[in-house]
C-alpha atoms as a PDB file:
ATOM      1  CA  MET A   1     -43.359 -38.582  33.951  1.00  0.00           C
ATOM      2  CA  ARG A   2     -46.011 -39.249  31.402  1.00  0.00           C
ATOM      3  CA  GLU A   3     -43.815 -38.186  28.407  1.00  0.00           C
ATOM      4  CA  ALA A   4     -41.099 -40.498  29.753  1.00  0.00           C
ATOM      5  CA  SER A   5     -43.748 -43.378  29.871  1.00  0.00           C
ATOM      6  CA  ALA A   6     -45.116 -42.680  26.609  1.00  0.00           C
ATOM      7  CA  ARG A   7     -41.446 -42.585  25.121  1.00  0.00           C
ATOM      8  CA  ARG A   8     -40.782 -46.012  26.755  1.00  0.00           C
ATOM      9  CA  ALA A   9     -43.842 -47.533  25.353  1.00  0.00           C
ATOM     10  CA  ALA A  10     -43.225 -46.262  21.761  1.00  0.00           C
ATOM     11  CA  GLU A  11     -39.794 -47.733  22.187  1.00  0.00           C
ATOM     12  CA  MET A  12     -40.894 -51.181  23.270  1.00  0.00           C
ATOM     13  CA  VAL A  13     -43.505 -51.076  20.121  1.00  0.00           C
ATOM     14  CA  ARG A  14     -40.689 -50.027  17.820  1.00  0.00           C
ATOM     15  CA  VAL A  15     -38.423 -52.831  19.081  1.00  0.00           C
ATOM     16  CA  GLY A  16     -41.222 -55.114  18.709  1.00  0.00           C
ATOM     17  CA  LEU A  17     -41.831 -54.035  14.983  1.00  0.00           C
ATOM     18  CA  VAL A  18     -38.046 -54.157  14.300  1.00  0.00           C
ATOM     19  CA  ALA A  19     -37.821 -57.819  15.283  1.00  0.00           C
ATOM     20  CA  TYR A  20     -40.889 -58.355  12.920  1.00  0.00           C
ATOM     21  CA  VAL A  21     -39.334 -56.755   9.863  1.00  0.00           C
ATOM     22  CA  GLU A  22     -36.038 -58.534  10.692  1.00  0.00           C
ATOM     23  CA  LYS A  23     -37.833 -61.857  10.779  1.00  0.00           C
ATOM     24  CA  GLN A  24     -39.687 -61.239   7.445  1.00  0.00           C
ATOM     25  CA  ILE A  25     -36.587 -60.497   5.657  1.00  0.00           C
ATOM     26  CA  GLU A  26     -34.672 -63.405   7.256  1.00  0.00           C
ATOM     27  CA  GLN A  27     -37.416 -65.625   6.110  1.00  0.00           C
ATOM     28  CA  ASP A  28     -37.087 -64.409   2.443  1.00  0.00           C
ATOM     29  CA  ILE A  29     -33.433 -65.089   2.576  1.00  0.00           C
ATOM     30  CA  ALA A  30     -33.927 -68.551   4.127  1.00  0.00           C
ATOM     31  CA  LEU A  31     -36.489 -69.584   1.495  1.00  0.00           C
ATOM     32  CA  GLY A  32     -34.519 -68.395  -1.543  1.00  0.00           C
ATOM     33  CA  ARG A  33     -36.624 -65.722  -2.334  1.00  0.00           C
ATOM     34  CA  LEU A  34     -33.730 -63.720  -4.025  1.00  0.00           C
ATOM     35  CA  PRO A  35     -33.208 -61.974  -7.251  1.00  0.00           C
ATOM     36  CA  ARG A  36     -29.712 -62.873  -8.662  1.00  0.00           C
ATOM     37  CA  ASN A  37     -28.198 -59.738  -7.365  1.00  0.00           C
ATOM     38  CA  GLY A  38     -29.728 -60.055  -4.086  1.00  0.00           C
ATOM     39  CA  ARG A  39     -30.845 -56.509  -3.862  1.00  0.00           C
ATOM     40  CA  LEU A  40     -33.373 -55.335  -1.331  1.00  0.00           C
ATOM     41  CA  ALA A  41     -36.086 -52.746  -2.036  1.00  0.00           C
ATOM     42  CA  SER A  42     -35.415 -49.324  -0.730  1.00  0.00           C
ATOM     43  CA  GLU A  43     -36.007 -48.429   3.030  1.00  0.00           C
ATOM     44  CA  ARG A  44     -39.046 -46.193   1.980  1.00  0.00           C
ATOM     45  CA  VAL A  45     -40.597 -48.975  -0.202  1.00  0.00           C
ATOM     46  CA  MET A  46     -40.328 -51.572   2.565  1.00  0.00           C
ATOM     47  CA  ALA A  47     -41.469 -49.270   5.284  1.00  0.00           C
ATOM     48  CA  GLY A  48     -44.706 -48.921   3.088  1.00  0.00           C
ATOM     49  CA  TRP A  49     -44.942 -52.802   2.442  1.00  0.00           C
ATOM     50  CA  TYR A  50     -44.902 -53.407   6.350  1.00  0.00           C
ATOM     51  CA  GLY A  51     -46.633 -50.320   7.525  1.00  0.00           C
ATOM     52  CA  VAL A  52     -43.785 -48.960   9.733  1.00  0.00           C
ATOM     53  CA  CYS A  53     -41.405 -46.071   9.551  1.00  0.00           C
ATOM     54  CA  ARG A  54     -38.213 -45.957   7.733  1.00  0.00           C
ATOM     55  CA  GLY A  55     -36.203 -46.100  11.025  1.00  0.00           C
ATOM     56  CA  THR A  56     -37.724 -49.287  11.931  1.00  0.00           C
ATOM     57  CA  VAL A  57     -36.711 -50.714   8.516  1.00  0.00           C
ATOM     58  CA  ARG A  58     -33.093 -49.187   8.767  1.00  0.00           C
ATOM     59  CA  GLU A  59     -32.611 -50.817  12.278  1.00  0.00           C
ATOM     60  CA  ALA A  60     -33.758 -54.244  11.039  1.00  0.00           C
ATOM     61  CA  LEU A  61     -31.385 -54.198   8.226  1.00  0.00           C
ATOM     62  CA  ARG A  62     -28.674 -53.106  10.591  1.00  0.00           C
ATOM     63  CA  ARG A  63     -29.333 -56.052  12.788  1.00  0.00           C
ATOM     64  CA  LEU A  64     -29.341 -58.449   9.852  1.00  0.00           C
ATOM     65  CA  ALA A  65     -25.998 -56.999   8.544  1.00  0.00           C
ATOM     66  CA  ALA A  66     -24.532 -57.529  12.136  1.00  0.00           C
ATOM     67  CA  ARG A  67     -25.453 -61.100  11.573  1.00  0.00           C
ATOM     68  CA  GLY A  68     -23.766 -61.353   8.216  1.00  0.00           C
ATOM     69  CA  LEU A  69     -27.117 -61.808   6.274  1.00  0.00           C
ATOM     70  CA  VAL A  70     -27.163 -58.331   4.468  1.00  0.00           C
ATOM     71  CA  VAL A  71     -24.368 -56.041   3.161  1.00  0.00           C
ATOM     72  CA  GLN A  72     -24.705 -52.454   3.368  1.00  0.00           C
ATOM     73  CA  HIS A  73     -22.892 -49.881   1.391  1.00  0.00           C
ATOM     74  CA  PRO A  74     -23.554 -46.033   1.928  1.00  0.00           C
ATOM     75  CA  GLY A  75     -25.543 -44.558  -0.605  1.00  0.00           C
ATOM     76  CA  ARG A  76     -26.588 -47.784  -2.095  1.00  0.00           C
ATOM     77  CA  GLN A  77     -29.614 -50.206  -1.328  1.00  0.00           C
ATOM     78  CA  ALA A  78     -28.791 -53.107   0.980  1.00  0.00           C
ATOM     79  CA  ARG A  79     -28.020 -56.455  -0.696  1.00  0.00           C
ATOM     80  CA  ALA A  80     -28.875 -59.880   0.965  1.00  0.00           C
ATOM     81  CA  VAL A  81     -26.354 -62.517   1.174  1.00  0.00           C
ATOM     82  CA  ALA A  82     -27.369 -66.137  -0.132  1.00  0.00           C
ATOM     83  CA  LEU A  83     -27.994 -68.568   2.648  1.00  0.00           C
ATOM     84  CA  ASP A  84     -25.354 -70.945   1.470  1.00  0.00           C
ATOM     85  CA  GLU A  85     -22.821 -67.941   1.905  1.00  0.00           C
ATOM     86  CA  SER A  86     -24.120 -66.622   5.314  1.00  0.00           C
ATOM     87  CA  LEU A  87     -25.145 -69.750   7.303  1.00  0.00           C
ATOM     88  CA  THR A  88     -23.053 -70.020  10.529  1.00  0.00           C
ATOM     89  CA  LEU A  89     -23.834 -71.839  13.747  1.00  0.00           C
ATOM     90  CA  GLU A  90     -25.387 -68.737  15.336  1.00  0.00           C
ATOM     91  CA  ASN A  91     -27.579 -68.395  12.170  1.00  0.00           C
ATOM     92  CA  LEU A  92     -28.641 -71.938  12.278  1.00  0.00           C
ATOM     93  CA  GLY A  93     -32.115 -70.945  13.072  1.00  0.00           C
ATOM     94  CA  LEU A  94     -32.462 -69.956   9.326  1.00  0.00           C
ATOM     95  CA  ALA A  95     -32.297 -73.828   8.400  1.00  0.00           C
ATOM     96  CA  LEU A  96     -35.552 -74.333  10.150  1.00  0.00           C
ATOM     97  CA  HIS A  97     -37.584 -72.176   7.598  1.00  0.00           C
ATOM     98  CA  ALA A  98     -36.739 -74.854   5.221  1.00  0.00           C
ATOM     99  CA  ALA A  99     -36.549 -77.798   7.710  1.00  0.00           C
ATOM    100  CA  ARG A 100     -38.630 -80.150   5.544  1.00  0.00           C
ATOM    101  CA  SER A 101     -36.197 -80.003   2.683  1.00  0.00           C
ATOM    102  CA  GLU A 102     -33.176 -82.363   2.562  1.00  0.00           C
ATOM    103  CA  GLU A 103     -30.801 -79.427   2.952  1.00  0.00           C
ATOM    104  CA  GLY A 104     -32.547 -78.130   6.140  1.00  0.00           C
ATOM    105  CA  ARG A 105     -32.499 -81.510   7.590  1.00  0.00           C
ATOM    106  CA  ARG A 106     -28.787 -82.059   6.546  1.00  0.00           C
ATOM    107  CA  LEU A 107     -27.832 -78.867   8.367  1.00  0.00           C
ATOM    108  CA  LEU A 108     -29.631 -79.863  11.468  1.00  0.00           C
ATOM    109  CA  GLU A 109     -28.122 -83.189  11.485  1.00  0.00           C
ATOM    110  CA  GLY A 110     -24.624 -81.531  11.241  1.00  0.00           C
ATOM    111  CA  PHE A 111     -25.503 -79.444  14.412  1.00  0.00           C
ATOM    112  CA  PHE A 112     -26.630 -82.675  16.464  1.00  0.00           C
ATOM    113  CA  SER A 113     -23.413 -84.661  15.280  1.00  0.00           C
ATOM    114  CA  LEU A 114     -20.948 -81.811  16.213  1.00  0.00           C
ATOM    115  CA  LYS A 115     -22.604 -81.698  19.703  1.00  0.00           C
ATOM    116  CA  ARG A 116     -22.289 -85.400  20.191  1.00  0.00           C
ATOM    117  CA  GLN A 117     -18.583 -85.377  18.957  1.00  0.00           C
ATOM    118  CA  VAL A 118     -17.671 -82.534  21.355  1.00  0.00           C
ATOM    119  CA  LEU A 119     -19.424 -84.348  24.147  1.00  0.00           C
ATOM    120  CA  VAL A 120     -17.914 -87.808  23.769  1.00  0.00           C
ATOM    121  CA  GLU A 121     -14.561 -86.581  23.307  1.00  0.00           C
ATOM    122  CA  LEU A 122     -14.555 -84.306  26.370  1.00  0.00           C
ATOM    123  CA  LEU A 123     -16.065 -87.058  28.533  1.00  0.00           C
ATOM    124  CA  ALA A 124     -13.561 -89.536  27.443  1.00  0.00           C
ATOM    125  CA  ASP A 125     -10.776 -87.151  28.182  1.00  0.00           C
ATOM    126  CA  CYS A 126     -12.124 -86.373  31.822  1.00  0.00           C
ATOM    127  CA  CYS A 127     -12.530 -90.148  32.211  1.00  0.00           C
ATOM    128  CA  ALA A 128      -8.871 -90.757  31.486  1.00  0.00           C
ATOM    129  CA  ASN A 129      -7.468 -87.890  33.311  1.00  0.00           C
ATOM    130  CA  ALA A 130      -9.729 -85.931  35.729  1.00  0.00           C
ATOM    131  CA  SER A 131      -9.536 -86.314  39.440  1.00  0.00           C
ATOM    132  CA  GLU A 132     -12.032 -88.273  41.495  1.00  0.00           C
ATOM    133  CA  SER A 133     -13.608 -85.027  42.772  1.00  0.00           C
ATOM    134  CA  GLU A 134     -13.833 -83.757  39.181  1.00  0.00           C
ATOM    135  CA  VAL A 135     -15.324 -86.960  38.056  1.00  0.00           C
ATOM    136  CA  GLY A 136     -17.755 -86.771  40.781  1.00  0.00           C
ATOM    137  CA  ARG A 137     -18.965 -83.377  39.698  1.00  0.00           C
ATOM    138  CA  LEU A 138     -19.557 -84.627  36.169  1.00  0.00           C
ATOM    139  CA  GLU A 139     -21.486 -87.689  37.669  1.00  0.00           C
ATOM    140  CA  SER A 140     -23.620 -85.198  39.569  1.00  0.00           C
ATOM    141  CA  VAL A 141     -24.523 -83.312  36.316  1.00  0.00           C
ATOM    142  CA  CYS A 142     -25.341 -86.415  34.586  1.00  0.00           C
ATOM    143  CA  TYR A 143     -27.768 -87.725  37.509  1.00  0.00           C
ATOM    144  CA  ALA A 144     -29.350 -84.325  37.493  1.00  0.00           C
ATOM    145  CA  LEU A 145     -29.828 -84.670  33.874  1.00  0.00           C
ATOM    146  CA  TRP A 146     -31.115 -88.263  34.071  1.00  0.00           C
ATOM    147  CA  ASP A 147     -33.587 -86.866  36.661  1.00  0.00           C
ATOM    148  CA  ALA A 148     -34.813 -83.924  34.595  1.00  0.00           C
ATOM    149  CA  ALA A 149     -35.562 -86.295  31.764  1.00  0.00           C
ATOM    150  CA  ARG A 150     -38.113 -87.864  33.737  1.00  0.00           C
ATOM    151  CA  TRP A 151     -39.544 -85.070  35.632  1.00  0.00           C
ATOM    152  CA  HIS A 152     -38.358 -81.611  34.007  1.00  0.00           C
ATOM    153  CA  PRO A 153     -38.272 -82.166  30.277  1.00  0.00           C
ATOM    154  CA  GLY A 154     -37.655 -79.012  28.088  1.00  0.00           C
ATOM    155  CA  GLU A 155     -35.724 -76.118  28.937  1.00  0.00           C
ATOM    156  CA  ARG A 156     -34.182 -77.718  32.225  1.00  0.00           C
ATOM    157  CA  CYS A 157     -32.944 -80.566  30.033  1.00  0.00           C
ATOM    158  CA  ALA A 158     -31.367 -78.344  27.703  1.00  0.00           C
ATOM    159  CA  GLN A 159     -29.722 -76.176  30.434  1.00  0.00           C
ATOM    160  CA  LEU A 160     -28.263 -79.305  32.045  1.00  0.00           C
ATOM    161  CA  GLU A 161     -26.976 -80.759  28.462  1.00  0.00           C
ATOM    162  CA  PHE A 162     -24.843 -77.471  28.027  1.00  0.00           C
ATOM    163  CA  GLU A 163     -23.908 -77.330  31.602  1.00  0.00           C
ATOM    164  CA  LEU A 164     -22.365 -80.832  31.210  1.00  0.00           C
ATOM    165  CA  LEU A 165     -20.457 -79.591  28.136  1.00  0.00           C
ATOM    166  CA  ARG A 166     -19.008 -76.607  29.842  1.00  0.00           C
ATOM    167  CA  LEU A 167     -18.223 -78.453  32.964  1.00  0.00           C
ATOM    168  CA  ALA A 168     -16.278 -81.171  30.776  1.00  0.00           C
ATOM    169  CA  ALA A 169     -14.414 -78.710  28.776  1.00  0.00           C
ATOM    170  CA  GLN A 170     -13.263 -76.975  32.025  1.00  0.00           C
ATOM    171  CA  VAL A 171     -12.127 -80.201  33.614  1.00  0.00           C
ATOM    172  CA  ALA A 172     -10.498 -81.300  30.566  1.00  0.00           C
ATOM    173  CA  ALA A 173      -8.748 -77.907  30.170  1.00  0.00           C
ATOM    174  CA  ARG A 174      -9.923 -77.097  26.653  1.00  0.00           C
ATOM    175  CA  PRO A 175     -10.455 -73.345  26.236  1.00  0.00           C
ATOM    176  CA  GLY A 176     -11.040 -73.803  22.594  1.00  0.00           C
ATOM    177  CA  HIS A 177     -13.917 -76.250  23.269  1.00  0.00           C
ATOM    178  CA  LEU A 178     -15.588 -73.819  25.475  1.00  0.00           C
ATOM    179  CA  LEU A 179     -15.725 -71.141  22.518  1.00  0.00           C
ATOM    180  CA  LEU A 180     -17.094 -73.855  20.374  1.00  0.00           C
ATOM    181  CA  ILE A 181     -19.713 -74.814  23.020  1.00  0.00           C
ATOM    182  CA  GLN A 182     -20.857 -71.188  23.467  1.00  0.00           C
ATOM    183  CA  SER A 183     -21.474 -71.183  19.646  1.00  0.00           C
ATOM    184  CA  LEU A 184     -23.436 -74.517  19.954  1.00  0.00           C
ATOM    185  CA  GLN A 185     -25.590 -72.977  22.667  1.00  0.00           C
ATOM    186  CA  ARG A 186     -26.122 -69.776  20.563  1.00  0.00           C
ATOM    187  CA  ALA A 187     -27.262 -71.919  17.811  1.00  0.00           C
ATOM    188  CA  PHE A 188     -29.589 -73.989  19.995  1.00  0.00           C
ATOM    189  CA  ARG A 189     -31.139 -70.843  21.123  1.00  0.00           C
ATOM    190  CA  GLY A 190     -32.135 -70.131  17.514  1.00  0.00           C
ATOM    191  CA  ILE A 191     -33.895 -73.351  17.308  1.00  0.00           C
ATOM    192  CA  ALA A 192     -35.078 -73.755  20.824  1.00  0.00           C
ATOM    193  CA  ALA A 193     -38.585 -73.046  20.354  1.00  0.00           C
ATOM    194  CA  ARG A 194     -38.903 -75.875  18.002  1.00  0.00           C
ATOM    195  CA  LEU A 195     -36.762 -78.425  19.975  1.00  0.00           C
ATOM    196  CA  LEU A 196     -37.753 -77.662  23.598  1.00  0.00           C
ATOM    197  CA  PRO A 197     -41.163 -79.523  23.435  1.00  0.00           C
ATOM    198  CA  PHE A 198     -39.636 -82.750  22.614  1.00  0.00           C
ATOM    199  CA  MET A 199     -36.506 -82.667  24.849  1.00  0.00           C
ATOM    200  CA  GLY A 200     -36.505 -85.318  27.578  1.00  0.00           C
ATOM    201  CA  GLY A 201     -38.007 -88.681  28.049  1.00  0.00           C
ATOM    202  CA  GLU A 202     -36.516 -92.094  28.091  1.00  0.00           C
ATOM    203  CA  ALA A 203     -33.999 -91.614  25.245  1.00  0.00           C
ATOM    204  CA  LEU A 204     -32.091 -88.685  26.895  1.00  0.00           C
ATOM    205  CA  GLY A 205     -32.205 -90.437  30.377  1.00  0.00           C
ATOM    206  CA  GLN A 206     -30.772 -93.578  28.896  1.00  0.00           C
ATOM    207  CA  TRP A 207     -27.521 -91.728  27.801  1.00  0.00           C
ATOM    208  CA  ALA A 208     -27.332 -89.612  30.771  1.00  0.00           C
ATOM    209  CA  ARG A 209     -27.403 -92.545  32.912  1.00  0.00           C
ATOM    210  CA  CYS A 210     -24.964 -94.455  30.601  1.00  0.00           C
ATOM    211  CA  ALA A 211     -22.549 -91.580  30.752  1.00  0.00           C
ATOM    212  CA  MET A 212     -22.767 -91.448  34.668  1.00  0.00           C
ATOM    213  CA  HIS A 213     -21.969 -95.021  35.113  1.00  0.00           C
ATOM    214  CA  ALA A 214     -19.096 -95.004  32.628  1.00  0.00           C
ATOM    215  CA  LEU A 215     -17.514 -91.982  34.433  1.00  0.00           C
ATOM    216  CA  SER A 216     -17.990 -93.763  37.743  1.00  0.00           C
ATOM    217  CA  GLU A 217     -16.333 -96.996  36.546  1.00  0.00           C
ATOM    218  CA  ARG A 218     -13.768 -95.023  34.302  1.00  0.00           C
ATOM    219  CA  ASP A 219     -15.068 -97.287  31.607  1.00  0.00           C
ATOM    220  CA  MET A 220     -13.570 -95.696  28.421  1.00  0.00           C
ATOM    221  CA  GLN A 221     -14.876 -98.396  26.057  1.00  0.00           C
ATOM    222  CA  THR A 222     -18.401 -97.532  27.037  1.00  0.00           C
ATOM    223  CA  LEU A 223     -17.989 -93.787  26.784  1.00  0.00           C
ATOM    224  CA  GLN A 224     -16.418 -94.341  23.258  1.00  0.00           C
ATOM    225  CA  HIS A 225     -18.733 -97.211  21.646  1.00  0.00           C
ATOM    226  CA  GLN A 226     -22.076 -97.358  23.509  1.00  0.00           C
ATOM    227  CA  LEU A 227     -22.541 -93.658  24.639  1.00  0.00           C
ATOM    228  CA  PRO A 228     -22.533 -92.291  20.969  1.00  0.00           C
ATOM    229  CA  LEU A 229     -25.216 -94.929  19.867  1.00  0.00           C
ATOM    230  CA  LEU A 230     -27.561 -93.559  22.795  1.00  0.00           C
ATOM    231  CA  LEU A 231     -26.804 -90.114  21.886  1.00  0.00           C
ATOM    232  CA  LYS A 232     -27.521 -90.520  18.145  1.00  0.00           C
ATOM    233  CA  ALA A 233     -30.751 -92.444  18.887  1.00  0.00           C
ATOM    234  CA  CYS A 234     -31.884 -89.500  21.117  1.00  0.00           C
ATOM    235  CA  ASP A 235     -30.956 -86.899  18.554  1.00  0.00           C
ATOM    236  CA  ALA A 236     -32.655 -88.933  15.718  1.00  0.00           C
ATOM    237  CA  ARG A 237     -35.912 -88.702  17.700  1.00  0.00           C
ATOM    238  CA  LEU A 238     -35.595 -84.874  17.987  1.00  0.00           C
ATOM    239  CA  LEU A 239     -34.666 -84.623  14.364  1.00  0.00           C
ATOM    240  CA  ASP A 240     -37.554 -86.616  13.222  1.00  0.00           C
ATOM    241  CA  GLN A 241     -39.850 -84.327  15.249  1.00  0.00           C
ATOM    242  CA  VAL A 242     -38.638 -80.922  13.868  1.00  0.00           C
ATOM    243  CA  ALA A 243     -37.555 -81.844  10.473  1.00  0.00           C
ATOM    244  CA  PRO A 244     -39.123 -85.144   9.193  1.00  0.00           C
ATOM    245  CA  ARG A 245     -37.844 -86.625   6.093  1.00  0.00           C
ATOM    246  CA  PRO A 246     -39.893 -85.634   2.967  1.00  0.00           C
ATOM    247  CA  ARG A 247     -42.494 -88.343   2.129  1.00  0.00           C
ATOM    248  CA  GLU A 248     -41.495 -90.563  -0.859  1.00  0.00           C
ATOM    249  CA  ASN A 249     -43.749 -91.264  -3.816  1.00  0.00           C
ATOM    250  CA  VAL A 250     -45.813 -88.193  -3.318  1.00  0.00           C
ATOM    251  CA  THR A 251     -46.502 -86.122  -6.605  1.00  0.00           C
ATOM    252  CA  PRO A 252     -45.252 -82.651  -5.916  1.00  0.00           C
ATOM    253  CA  GLU A 253     -47.395 -79.902  -5.964  1.00  0.00           C
ATOM    254  CA  PRO A 254     -46.946 -77.095  -8.717  1.00  0.00           C
ATOM    255  CA  PRO A 255     -44.882 -74.191  -7.328  1.00  0.00           C
ATOM    256  CA  ASP A 256     -46.946 -71.436  -5.811  1.00  0.00           C
ATOM    257  CA  THR A 257     -46.150 -68.619  -8.358  1.00  0.00           C
ATOM    258  CA  GLU A 258     -47.688 -66.017  -5.962  1.00  0.00           C
ATOM    259  CA  GLU A 259     -45.139 -67.049  -3.261  1.00  0.00           C
ATOM    260  CA  CYS A 260     -42.123 -67.054  -5.445  1.00  0.00           C
ATOM    261  CA  SER A 261     -43.154 -63.472  -7.244  1.00  0.00           C
ATOM    262  CA  LEU A 262     -40.650 -60.691  -6.233  1.00  0.00           C
ATOM    263  CA  ALA A 263     -43.516 -58.097  -6.685  1.00  0.00           C
ATOM    264  CA  ALA A 264     -44.196 -55.948  -3.717  1.00  0.00           C
ATOM    265  CA  PRO A 265     -47.226 -56.760  -1.571  1.00  0.00           C
ATOM    266  CA  SER A 266     -50.235 -54.566  -1.746  1.00  0.00           C
ATOM    267  CA  ALA A 267     -50.425 -51.698   0.620  1.00  0.00           C
ATOM    268  CA  ASP A 268     -53.637 -53.477   2.438  1.00  0.00           C
ATOM    269  CA  THR A 269     -51.859 -56.881   2.655  1.00  0.00           C
ATOM    270  CA  ALA A 270     -48.666 -55.359   4.214  1.00  0.00           C
ATOM    271  CA  ARG A 271     -50.624 -53.384   6.677  1.00  0.00           C
ATOM    272  CA  ASN A 272     -52.813 -56.426   7.753  1.00  0.00           C
ATOM    273  CA  ASP A 273     -49.490 -58.439   8.046  1.00  0.00           C
ATOM    274  CA  ALA A 274     -47.741 -56.143  10.395  1.00  0.00           C
ATOM    275  CA  PRO A 275     -48.194 -57.073  14.089  1.00  0.00           C
ATOM    276  CA  CYS A 276     -49.364 -53.321  14.862  1.00  0.00           C
ATOM    277  CA  VAL A 277     -49.109 -49.954  13.295  1.00  0.00           C
ATOM    278  CA  GLU A 278     -46.685 -47.406  14.457  1.00  0.00           C
ATOM    279  CA  THR A 279     -48.061 -43.856  15.377  1.00  0.00           C
ATOM    280  CA  GLN A 280     -46.519 -41.037  13.343  1.00  0.00           C
ATOM    281  CA  GLY A 281     -43.033 -40.013  14.509  1.00  0.00           C
ATOM    282  CA  THR A 282     -42.613 -43.340  16.456  1.00  0.00           C
ATOM    283  CA  CYS A 283     -40.535 -45.191  14.905  1.00  0.00           C
ATOM    284  CA  ASP A 284     -33.883 -92.001  13.910  1.00  0.00           C
ATOM    285  CA  SER A 285     -30.997 -93.315  12.469  1.00  0.00           C
ATOM    286  CA  VAL A 286     -30.389 -95.813  15.098  1.00  0.00           C
ATOM    287  CA  SER A 287     -32.920 -98.620  15.434  1.00  0.00           C
ATOM    288  CA  ALA A 288     -35.007 -99.352  18.462  1.00  0.00           C
ATOM    289  CA  THR A 289     -33.048-102.496  18.749  1.00  0.00           C
ATOM    290  CA  ALA A 290     -29.760-100.860  18.661  1.00  0.00           C
ATOM    291  CA  GLN A 291     -30.836 -98.406  21.342  1.00  0.00           C
ATOM    292  CA  HIS A 292     -32.077-101.246  23.449  1.00  0.00           C
ATOM    293  CA  ASP A 293     -28.836-103.202  23.003  1.00  0.00           C
ATOM    294  CA  ALA A 294     -26.749-100.298  23.945  1.00  0.00           C
ATOM    295  CA  ALA A 295     -28.807 -99.474  26.963  1.00  0.00           C
ATOM    296  CA  GLU A 296     -28.565-102.962  28.116  1.00  0.00           C
ATOM    297  CA  THR A 297     -24.805-102.331  28.507  1.00  0.00           C
ATOM    298  CA  CYS A 298     -25.160 -99.822  30.971  1.00  0.00           C
ATOM    299  CA  PRO A 299     -26.248-100.934  34.525  1.00  0.00           C
ATOM    300  CA  ARG A 300     -29.536 -99.659  35.835  1.00  0.00           C
ATOM    301  CA  VAL A 301     -30.072 -97.227  38.574  1.00  0.00           C
ATOM    302  CA  GLU A 302     -32.344 -97.113  41.532  1.00  0.00           C
ATOM    303  CA  GLU A 303     -34.598 -94.139  41.358  1.00  0.00           C
ATOM    304  CA  HIS A 304     -32.808 -92.692  44.514  1.00  0.00           C
ATOM    305  CA  GLY A 305     -29.510 -92.304  42.566  1.00  0.00           C
ATOM    306  CA  PRO A 306     -26.299 -94.255  42.835  1.00  0.00           C
ATOM    307  CA  GLY A 307     -24.646 -94.384  46.183  1.00  0.00           C
ATOM    308  CA  GLY A 308     -22.828 -91.376  47.226  1.00  0.00           C
ATOM    309  CA  ILE A 309     -24.171 -89.405  44.516  1.00  0.00           C
ATOM    310  CA  THR A 310     -26.953 -86.670  45.411  1.00  0.00           C
ATOM    311  CA  PRO A 311     -28.687 -84.590  42.799  1.00  0.00           C
ATOM    312  CA  ILE A 312     -27.323 -81.087  42.321  1.00  0.00           C
ATOM    313  CA  ASP A 313     -29.532 -77.944  42.498  1.00  0.00           C
ATOM    314  CA  THR A 314     -28.341 -75.825  39.705  1.00  0.00           C
ATOM    315  CA  ALA A 315     -29.951 -72.505  39.139  1.00  0.00           C
ATOM    316  CA  SER A 316     -32.414 -72.846  36.148  1.00  0.00           C
ATOM    317  CA  GLY A 317     -31.061 -71.011  33.241  1.00  0.00           C
ATOM    318  CA  ASN A 318     -33.095 -69.071  30.665  1.00  0.00           C
ATOM    319  CA  LEU A 319     -32.025 -70.230  27.353  1.00  0.00           C
ATOM    320  CA  SER A 320     -34.362 -67.973  25.416  1.00  0.00           C
ATOM    321  CA  GLY A 321     -33.823 -64.848  27.161  1.00  0.00           C
ATOM    322  CA  GLY A 322     -32.236 -61.704  25.575  1.00  0.00           C
ATOM    323  CA  GLN A 323     -32.871 -63.208  22.062  1.00  0.00           C
ATOM    324  CA  THR A 324     -32.453 -61.071  18.998  1.00  0.00           C
ATOM    325  CA  GLY A 325     -32.380 -61.699  15.369  1.00  0.00           C
ATOM    326  CA  SER A 326     -33.447 -65.182  14.658  1.00  0.00           C
ATOM    327  CA  ASP A 327     -33.803 -65.817  18.238  1.00  0.00           C
ATOM    328  CA  ALA A 328     -36.597 -63.228  18.822  1.00  0.00           C
ATOM    329  CA  SER A 329     -40.058 -64.693  18.891  1.00  0.00           C
ATOM    330  CA  ASP A 330     -42.224 -64.087  15.800  1.00  0.00           C
ATOM    331  CA  PRO A 331     -44.825 -61.452  17.063  1.00  0.00           C
ATOM    332  CA  GLU A 332     -47.499 -63.055  14.998  1.00  0.00           C
ATOM    333  CA  ALA A 333     -46.809 -66.664  13.944  1.00  0.00           C
ATOM    334  CA  GLY A 334     -48.131 -68.011  10.614  1.00  0.00           C
ATOM    335  CA  LEU A 335     -47.949 -64.479   8.707  1.00  0.00           C
ATOM    336  CA  THR A 336     -47.395 -64.846   5.108  1.00  0.00           C
ATOM    337  CA  HIS A 337     -46.315 -62.217   2.957  1.00  0.00           C
ATOM    338  CA  GLU A 338     -44.710 -61.471  -0.339  1.00  0.00           C
ATOM    339  CA  PRO A 339     -41.001 -61.340  -0.537  1.00  0.00           C
ATOM    340  CA  CYS A 340     -39.224 -57.881   0.296  1.00  0.00           C
ATOM    341  CA  PHE A 341     -36.877 -57.982  -2.634  1.00  0.00           C
ATOM    342  CA  ARG A 342     -36.868 -56.402  -5.848  1.00  0.00           C
ATOM    343  CA  SER A 343     -35.668 -57.704  -9.287  1.00  0.00           C
ATOM    344  CA  GLY A 344     -32.280 -56.244 -10.497  1.00  0.00           C
END
């Protein structure tokens, strides 16, 4: 029993270290710390940098390869893939490493824009073609989302947003959209830690309330013209929190030559950066006025909800569970280290 417990404890430590090494290499890729050929150092060298065993480095590289960030060939050192060649919805979290850059903000804007387009298109389809009972289910989710925006911001709001998207795709009989929504949700999981603290509030409640009334009244005009404005205002608020626009008229600081260096970190630095040491053998683009005007087109609702609609009690989902790769939490936030690449 003691040996089994020791093995489990060792495995838990190793899994945590794998996530740590994976995160460090991922950050180097995202921040452009790549030689021209993208070649990584050997497993032995990286193991020394991070104070871990070679098996830990090997598993981190395998996970990065599965995500399309690293290419591995038998008998040859792994090669990192440049960010502009490897970025997908599922890897969107990479963009947050450079969120204060124009490119990082542009990628996040693309994510929000795609999610808005999918939601508006699906709700408009449901408004035109769904049965009364199906529309009633969508209204109930909208009401729950409006209520969560006031009293349960954060993860509950995110869970209900994606529940509304999936239900709308099912009602509209759009299996292709269901696949896209699944990718959007995986992308969200990669950036959830940055977004969740700012989700909720009046901006989210306004568009949820507007969608609920437009569905109830079968008001296609509101869904196609007013709802997108409210959604964009809500997304702009989130975007400005996680990826504010770079300040203008500020003299840029000279580049940090140490950070851009491709030299290996010292042994002492690498060991200090590692979260723990393995034992041997253990491996707003819409103005406030526009938002206010759009909100005025939607009737207000009493706090007890519209007649005939009662809040649903959906089981709370865990958006951050089972994360791997970019979803995994950084064991020691704020660590800095020299990049793990070697020159050609």
